Amino acid sequence: MRIARKVVWYDTPEETLVDLKTFLAHLMVYGPPADVDAVRRHVPMEEFRKVLEDAPAGVFTAEAWIRWHKRFGLEVPPLPRRRFPDGSLGPDPGTFLGR
């Protein structure tokens, strides 16, 4: 609960922990190594890897994206982008309206 409260500010810890993928994605970006290690005692590393395979757009920083892919020995693809209902893609990650 303590770690969930720290890494996801917009939901209660109870709501955060219902969605493991969202919790882990935020932990992978905002969690200090000690918190990642604490969660790893309860969550298999394969779950962390699954987050990278279907990562939510707009959560990962470029630094965290690269760090986690390297940790698993994976090639680093582009950061996930938001897809709008009409199928178009949002701006490149890290940019605002193409700037």
N, C-alpha and C. Protein backbone atom coordinates (compact mmCIF):
# COMPACT_ATOMS: atom_id res chain seq x y z
N MET A 1 0.83 -1.19 0.00
CA MET A 1 0.00 0.00 0.00
C MET A 1 0.88 1.26 0.00
N ARG A 2 1.94 1.22 0.78
CA ARG A 2 2.83 2.39 0.89
C ARG A 2 3.44 2.72 -0.46
N ILE A 3 3.89 1.71 -1.17
CA ILE A 3 4.53 1.93 -2.47
C ILE A 3 3.49 2.38 -3.49
N ALA A 4 2.33 1.79 -3.49
CA ALA A 4 1.27 2.19 -4.42
C ALA A 4 0.90 3.65 -4.21
N ARG A 5 0.84 4.08 -2.97
CA ARG A 5 0.53 5.48 -2.65
C ARG A 5 1.61 6.42 -3.21
N LYS A 6 2.86 5.97 -3.18
CA LYS A 6 3.97 6.81 -3.63
C LYS A 6 4.04 6.94 -5.15
N VAL A 7 3.77 5.88 -5.89
CA VAL A 7 4.02 5.91 -7.33
C VAL A 7 2.80 6.28 -8.17
N VAL A 8 1.61 6.16 -7.63
CA VAL A 8 0.40 6.57 -8.35
C VAL A 8 -0.35 7.56 -7.47
N TRP A 9 -0.21 8.83 -7.78
CA TRP A 9 -0.75 9.88 -6.94
C TRP A 9 -2.24 10.12 -7.14
N TYR A 10 -2.80 9.70 -8.27
CA TYR A 10 -4.16 10.09 -8.62
C TYR A 10 -5.23 9.09 -8.20
N ASP A 11 -4.86 7.94 -7.66
CA ASP A 11 -5.81 6.94 -7.17
C ASP A 11 -5.43 6.54 -5.75
N THR A 12 -6.38 5.92 -5.07
CA THR A 12 -6.07 5.37 -3.76
C THR A 12 -5.19 4.13 -3.96
N PRO A 13 -4.42 3.74 -2.96
CA PRO A 13 -3.61 2.53 -3.11
C PRO A 13 -4.45 1.30 -3.46
N GLU A 14 -5.63 1.22 -2.90
CA GLU A 14 -6.51 0.08 -3.18
C GLU A 14 -6.89 0.04 -4.66
N GLU A 15 -7.23 1.20 -5.23
CA GLU A 15 -7.59 1.26 -6.65
C GLU A 15 -6.37 0.95 -7.52
N THR A 16 -5.23 1.46 -7.14
CA THR A 16 -4.00 1.24 -7.89
C THR A 16 -3.66 -0.24 -7.97
N LEU A 17 -3.75 -0.93 -6.86
CA LEU A 17 -3.33 -2.33 -6.82
C LEU A 17 -4.28 -3.28 -7.53
N VAL A 18 -5.48 -2.82 -7.86
CA VAL A 18 -6.41 -3.65 -8.64
C VAL A 18 -5.89 -3.82 -10.06
N ASP A 19 -5.19 -2.80 -10.57
CA ASP A 19 -4.66 -2.84 -11.94
C ASP A 19 -3.15 -3.01 -11.87
N LEU A 20 -2.70 -4.26 -11.87
CA LEU A 20 -1.27 -4.56 -11.71
C LEU A 20 -0.43 -3.90 -12.79
N LYS A 21 -0.91 -3.91 -14.02
CA LYS A 21 -0.13 -3.33 -15.12
C LYS A 21 0.14 -1.84 -14.89
N THR A 22 -0.87 -1.10 -14.50
CA THR A 22 -0.70 0.34 -14.25
C THR A 22 0.22 0.56 -13.06
N PHE A 23 0.04 -0.21 -12.01
CA PHE A 23 0.90 -0.08 -10.84
C PHE A 23 2.36 -0.34 -11.20
N LEU A 24 2.61 -1.44 -11.90
CA LEU A 24 3.99 -1.77 -12.26
C LEU A 24 4.60 -0.75 -13.20
N ALA A 25 3.83 -0.25 -14.16
CA ALA A 25 4.36 0.76 -15.08
C ALA A 25 4.81 1.99 -14.31
N HIS A 26 4.00 2.45 -13.38
CA HIS A 26 4.36 3.62 -12.58
C HIS A 26 5.54 3.32 -11.66
N LEU A 27 5.57 2.13 -11.10
CA LEU A 27 6.70 1.75 -10.26
C LEU A 27 7.99 1.73 -11.07
N MET A 28 7.92 1.22 -12.30
CA MET A 28 9.11 1.13 -13.15
C MET A 28 9.65 2.52 -13.52
N VAL A 29 8.78 3.51 -13.53
CA VAL A 29 9.20 4.87 -13.87
C VAL A 29 9.58 5.67 -12.62
N TYR A 30 8.74 5.63 -11.60
CA TYR A 30 8.89 6.52 -10.45
C TYR A 30 9.43 5.86 -9.19
N GLY A 31 9.48 4.53 -9.17
CA GLY A 31 9.89 3.84 -7.95
C GLY A 31 11.40 3.79 -7.77
N PRO A 32 11.87 4.10 -6.58
CA PRO A 32 13.30 3.93 -6.31
C PRO A 32 13.65 2.44 -6.27
N PRO A 33 14.92 2.11 -6.47
CA PRO A 33 15.32 0.69 -6.50
C PRO A 33 14.85 -0.12 -5.28
N ALA A 34 14.85 0.47 -4.11
CA ALA A 34 14.41 -0.27 -2.91
C ALA A 34 12.94 -0.67 -3.02
N ASP A 35 12.11 0.20 -3.57
CA ASP A 35 10.69 -0.13 -3.73
C ASP A 35 10.50 -1.18 -4.82
N VAL A 36 11.26 -1.09 -5.90
CA VAL A 36 11.19 -2.10 -6.96
C VAL A 36 11.58 -3.46 -6.38
N ASP A 37 12.64 -3.50 -5.59
CA ASP A 37 13.08 -4.76 -4.97
C ASP A 37 12.01 -5.32 -4.03
N ALA A 38 11.35 -4.45 -3.28
CA ALA A 38 10.30 -4.90 -2.36
C ALA A 38 9.15 -5.53 -3.14
N VAL A 39 8.75 -4.92 -4.23
CA VAL A 39 7.66 -5.46 -5.03
C VAL A 39 8.08 -6.75 -5.72
N ARG A 40 9.33 -6.83 -6.15
CA ARG A 40 9.83 -8.04 -6.82
C ARG A 40 9.74 -9.27 -5.91
N ARG A 41 9.72 -9.07 -4.62
CA ARG A 41 9.57 -10.22 -3.70
C ARG A 41 8.17 -10.83 -3.78
N HIS A 42 7.22 -10.05 -4.34
CA HIS A 42 5.83 -10.52 -4.41
C HIS A 42 5.31 -10.68 -5.84
N VAL A 43 5.99 -10.05 -6.78
CA VAL A 43 5.55 -10.07 -8.18
C VAL A 43 6.70 -10.60 -9.04
N PRO A 44 6.45 -11.65 -9.82
CA PRO A 44 7.52 -12.20 -10.67
C PRO A 44 8.01 -11.18 -11.71
N MET A 45 9.29 -11.27 -12.04
CA MET A 45 9.87 -10.36 -13.03
C MET A 45 9.16 -10.47 -14.37
N GLU A 46 8.59 -11.61 -14.67
CA GLU A 46 7.86 -11.78 -15.93
C GLU A 46 6.71 -10.77 -16.04
N GLU A 47 6.11 -10.40 -14.92
CA GLU A 47 5.04 -9.41 -14.95
C GLU A 47 5.58 -8.04 -15.34
N PHE A 48 6.79 -7.70 -14.91
CA PHE A 48 7.42 -6.44 -15.29
C PHE A 48 7.67 -6.44 -16.80
N ARG A 49 8.13 -7.58 -17.30
CA ARG A 49 8.41 -7.70 -18.73
C ARG A 49 7.13 -7.55 -19.54
N LYS A 50 6.03 -8.11 -19.06
CA LYS A 50 4.75 -8.00 -19.76
C LYS A 50 4.31 -6.53 -19.88
N VAL A 51 4.64 -5.74 -18.88
CA VAL A 51 4.30 -4.31 -18.94
C VAL A 51 4.99 -3.66 -20.14
N LEU A 52 6.25 -4.03 -20.37
CA LEU A 52 6.98 -3.45 -21.51
C LEU A 52 6.37 -3.88 -22.84
N GLU A 53 5.85 -5.08 -22.90
CA GLU A 53 5.28 -5.60 -24.15
C GLU A 53 3.98 -4.90 -24.52
N ASP A 54 3.27 -4.37 -23.53
CA ASP A 54 1.99 -3.70 -23.78
C ASP A 54 1.90 -2.46 -22.89
N ALA A 55 2.92 -1.62 -22.99
CA ALA A 55 3.04 -0.46 -22.10
C ALA A 55 1.99 0.60 -22.42
N PRO A 56 1.46 1.21 -21.37
CA PRO A 56 0.51 2.31 -21.60
C PRO A 56 1.24 3.53 -22.16
N ALA A 57 0.62 4.20 -23.11
CA ALA A 57 1.20 5.41 -23.68
C ALA A 57 1.20 6.53 -22.64
N GLY A 58 2.27 7.30 -22.66
CA GLY A 58 2.33 8.48 -21.81
C GLY A 58 2.82 8.26 -20.39
N VAL A 59 3.19 7.04 -20.03
CA VAL A 59 3.67 6.79 -18.67
C VAL A 59 5.19 6.76 -18.61
N PHE A 60 5.82 6.03 -19.50
CA PHE A 60 7.26 5.85 -19.44
C PHE A 60 8.02 7.09 -19.92
N THR A 61 9.07 7.43 -19.20
CA THR A 61 10.02 8.42 -19.69
C THR A 61 10.98 7.67 -20.61
N ALA A 62 11.67 8.41 -21.45
CA ALA A 62 12.64 7.77 -22.35
C ALA A 62 13.71 7.04 -21.54
N GLU A 63 14.16 7.65 -20.46
CA GLU A 63 15.20 7.04 -19.63
C GLU A 63 14.73 5.72 -19.03
N ALA A 64 13.55 5.70 -18.43
CA ALA A 64 13.03 4.47 -17.82
C ALA A 64 12.75 3.41 -18.88
N TRP A 65 12.27 3.81 -20.04
CA TRP A 65 11.98 2.89 -21.14
C TRP A 65 13.25 2.15 -21.57
N ILE A 66 14.30 2.92 -21.76
CA ILE A 66 15.59 2.34 -22.17
C ILE A 66 16.15 1.46 -21.05
N ARG A 67 16.14 1.96 -19.82
CA ARG A 67 16.70 1.22 -18.68
C ARG A 67 16.05 -0.14 -18.52
N TRP A 68 14.72 -0.21 -18.60
CA TRP A 68 14.02 -1.48 -18.40
C TRP A 68 14.21 -2.43 -19.57
N HIS A 69 14.25 -1.92 -20.76
CA HIS A 69 14.50 -2.81 -21.90
C HIS A 69 15.91 -3.40 -21.81
N LYS A 70 16.86 -2.59 -21.45
CA LYS A 70 18.23 -3.09 -21.29
C LYS A 70 18.32 -4.10 -20.16
N ARG A 71 17.58 -3.87 -19.10
CA ARG A 71 17.58 -4.79 -17.96
C ARG A 71 17.14 -6.19 -18.38
N PHE A 72 16.20 -6.25 -19.33
CA PHE A 72 15.73 -7.54 -19.82
C PHE A 72 16.48 -8.01 -21.06
N GLY A 73 17.46 -7.24 -21.51
CA GLY A 73 18.21 -7.62 -22.70
C GLY A 73 17.39 -7.51 -23.97
N LEU A 74 16.44 -6.59 -23.98
CA LEU A 74 15.55 -6.43 -25.13
C LEU A 74 15.99 -5.25 -25.99
N GLU A 75 15.69 -5.34 -27.27
CA GLU A 75 15.90 -4.20 -28.15
C GLU A 75 14.94 -3.10 -27.71
N VAL A 76 15.37 -1.86 -27.80
CA VAL A 76 14.56 -0.74 -27.33
C VAL A 76 13.73 -0.17 -28.50
N PRO A 77 12.42 -0.42 -28.47
CA PRO A 77 11.56 0.15 -29.52
C PRO A 77 11.21 1.60 -29.17
N PRO A 78 10.55 2.29 -30.10
CA PRO A 78 10.09 3.64 -29.77
C PRO A 78 9.09 3.60 -28.60
N LEU A 79 9.02 4.69 -27.87
CA LEU A 79 8.04 4.78 -26.79
C LEU A 79 6.62 4.61 -27.34
N PRO A 80 5.72 4.03 -26.55
CA PRO A 80 4.34 3.88 -27.00
C PRO A 80 3.70 5.25 -27.27
N ARG A 81 2.82 5.30 -28.26
CA ARG A 81 2.11 6.53 -28.58
C ARG A 81 0.62 6.32 -28.40
N ARG A 82 -0.06 7.40 -28.08
CA ARG A 82 -1.51 7.33 -27.93
C ARG A 82 -2.15 7.15 -29.31
N ARG A 83 -3.20 6.35 -29.35
CA ARG A 83 -3.94 6.13 -30.59
C ARG A 83 -5.36 6.68 -30.35
N PHE A 84 -5.79 7.53 -31.25
CA PHE A 84 -7.11 8.14 -31.13
C PHE A 84 -8.15 7.24 -31.78
N PRO A 85 -9.44 7.46 -31.45
CA PRO A 85 -10.49 6.59 -31.99
C PRO A 85 -10.51 6.50 -33.51
N ASP A 86 -10.06 7.54 -34.20
CA ASP A 86 -10.05 7.48 -35.67
C ASP A 86 -8.84 6.73 -36.22
N GLY A 87 -8.00 6.20 -35.31
CA GLY A 87 -6.83 5.43 -35.72
C GLY A 87 -5.56 6.24 -35.85
N SER A 88 -5.68 7.56 -35.80
CA SER A 88 -4.48 8.40 -35.90
C SER A 88 -3.68 8.33 -34.60
N LEU A 89 -2.40 8.65 -34.70
CA LEU A 89 -1.52 8.62 -33.54
C LEU A 89 -1.33 10.01 -32.97
N GLY A 90 -1.13 10.06 -31.67
CA GLY A 90 -0.84 11.32 -31.01
C GLY A 90 0.59 11.76 -31.34
N PRO A 91 1.02 12.90 -30.78
CA PRO A 91 2.36 13.39 -31.06
C PRO A 91 3.42 12.42 -30.54
N ASP A 92 4.61 12.55 -31.08
CA ASP A 92 5.71 11.73 -30.57
C ASP A 92 5.84 11.95 -29.07
N PRO A 93 6.15 10.88 -28.32
CA PRO A 93 6.34 11.04 -26.89
C PRO A 93 7.43 12.09 -26.60
N GLY A 94 7.16 12.89 -25.59
CA GLY A 94 8.14 13.90 -25.20
C GLY A 94 7.97 15.20 -25.96
N THR A 95 6.97 15.28 -26.84
CA THR A 95 6.72 16.52 -27.56
C THR A 95 5.32 17.00 -27.23
N PHE A 96 5.06 18.23 -27.47
CA PHE A 96 3.74 18.79 -27.26
C PHE A 96 3.27 19.39 -28.57
N LEU A 97 2.28 18.79 -29.16
CA LEU A 97 1.72 19.25 -30.43
C LEU A 97 2.79 19.44 -31.49
N GLY A 98 3.70 18.47 -31.54
CA GLY A 98 4.72 18.49 -32.58
C GLY A 98 5.88 19.44 -32.34
N ARG A 99 5.92 20.09 -31.18
CA ARG A 99 7.01 21.04 -30.90
C ARG A 99 8.09 20.39 -30.09
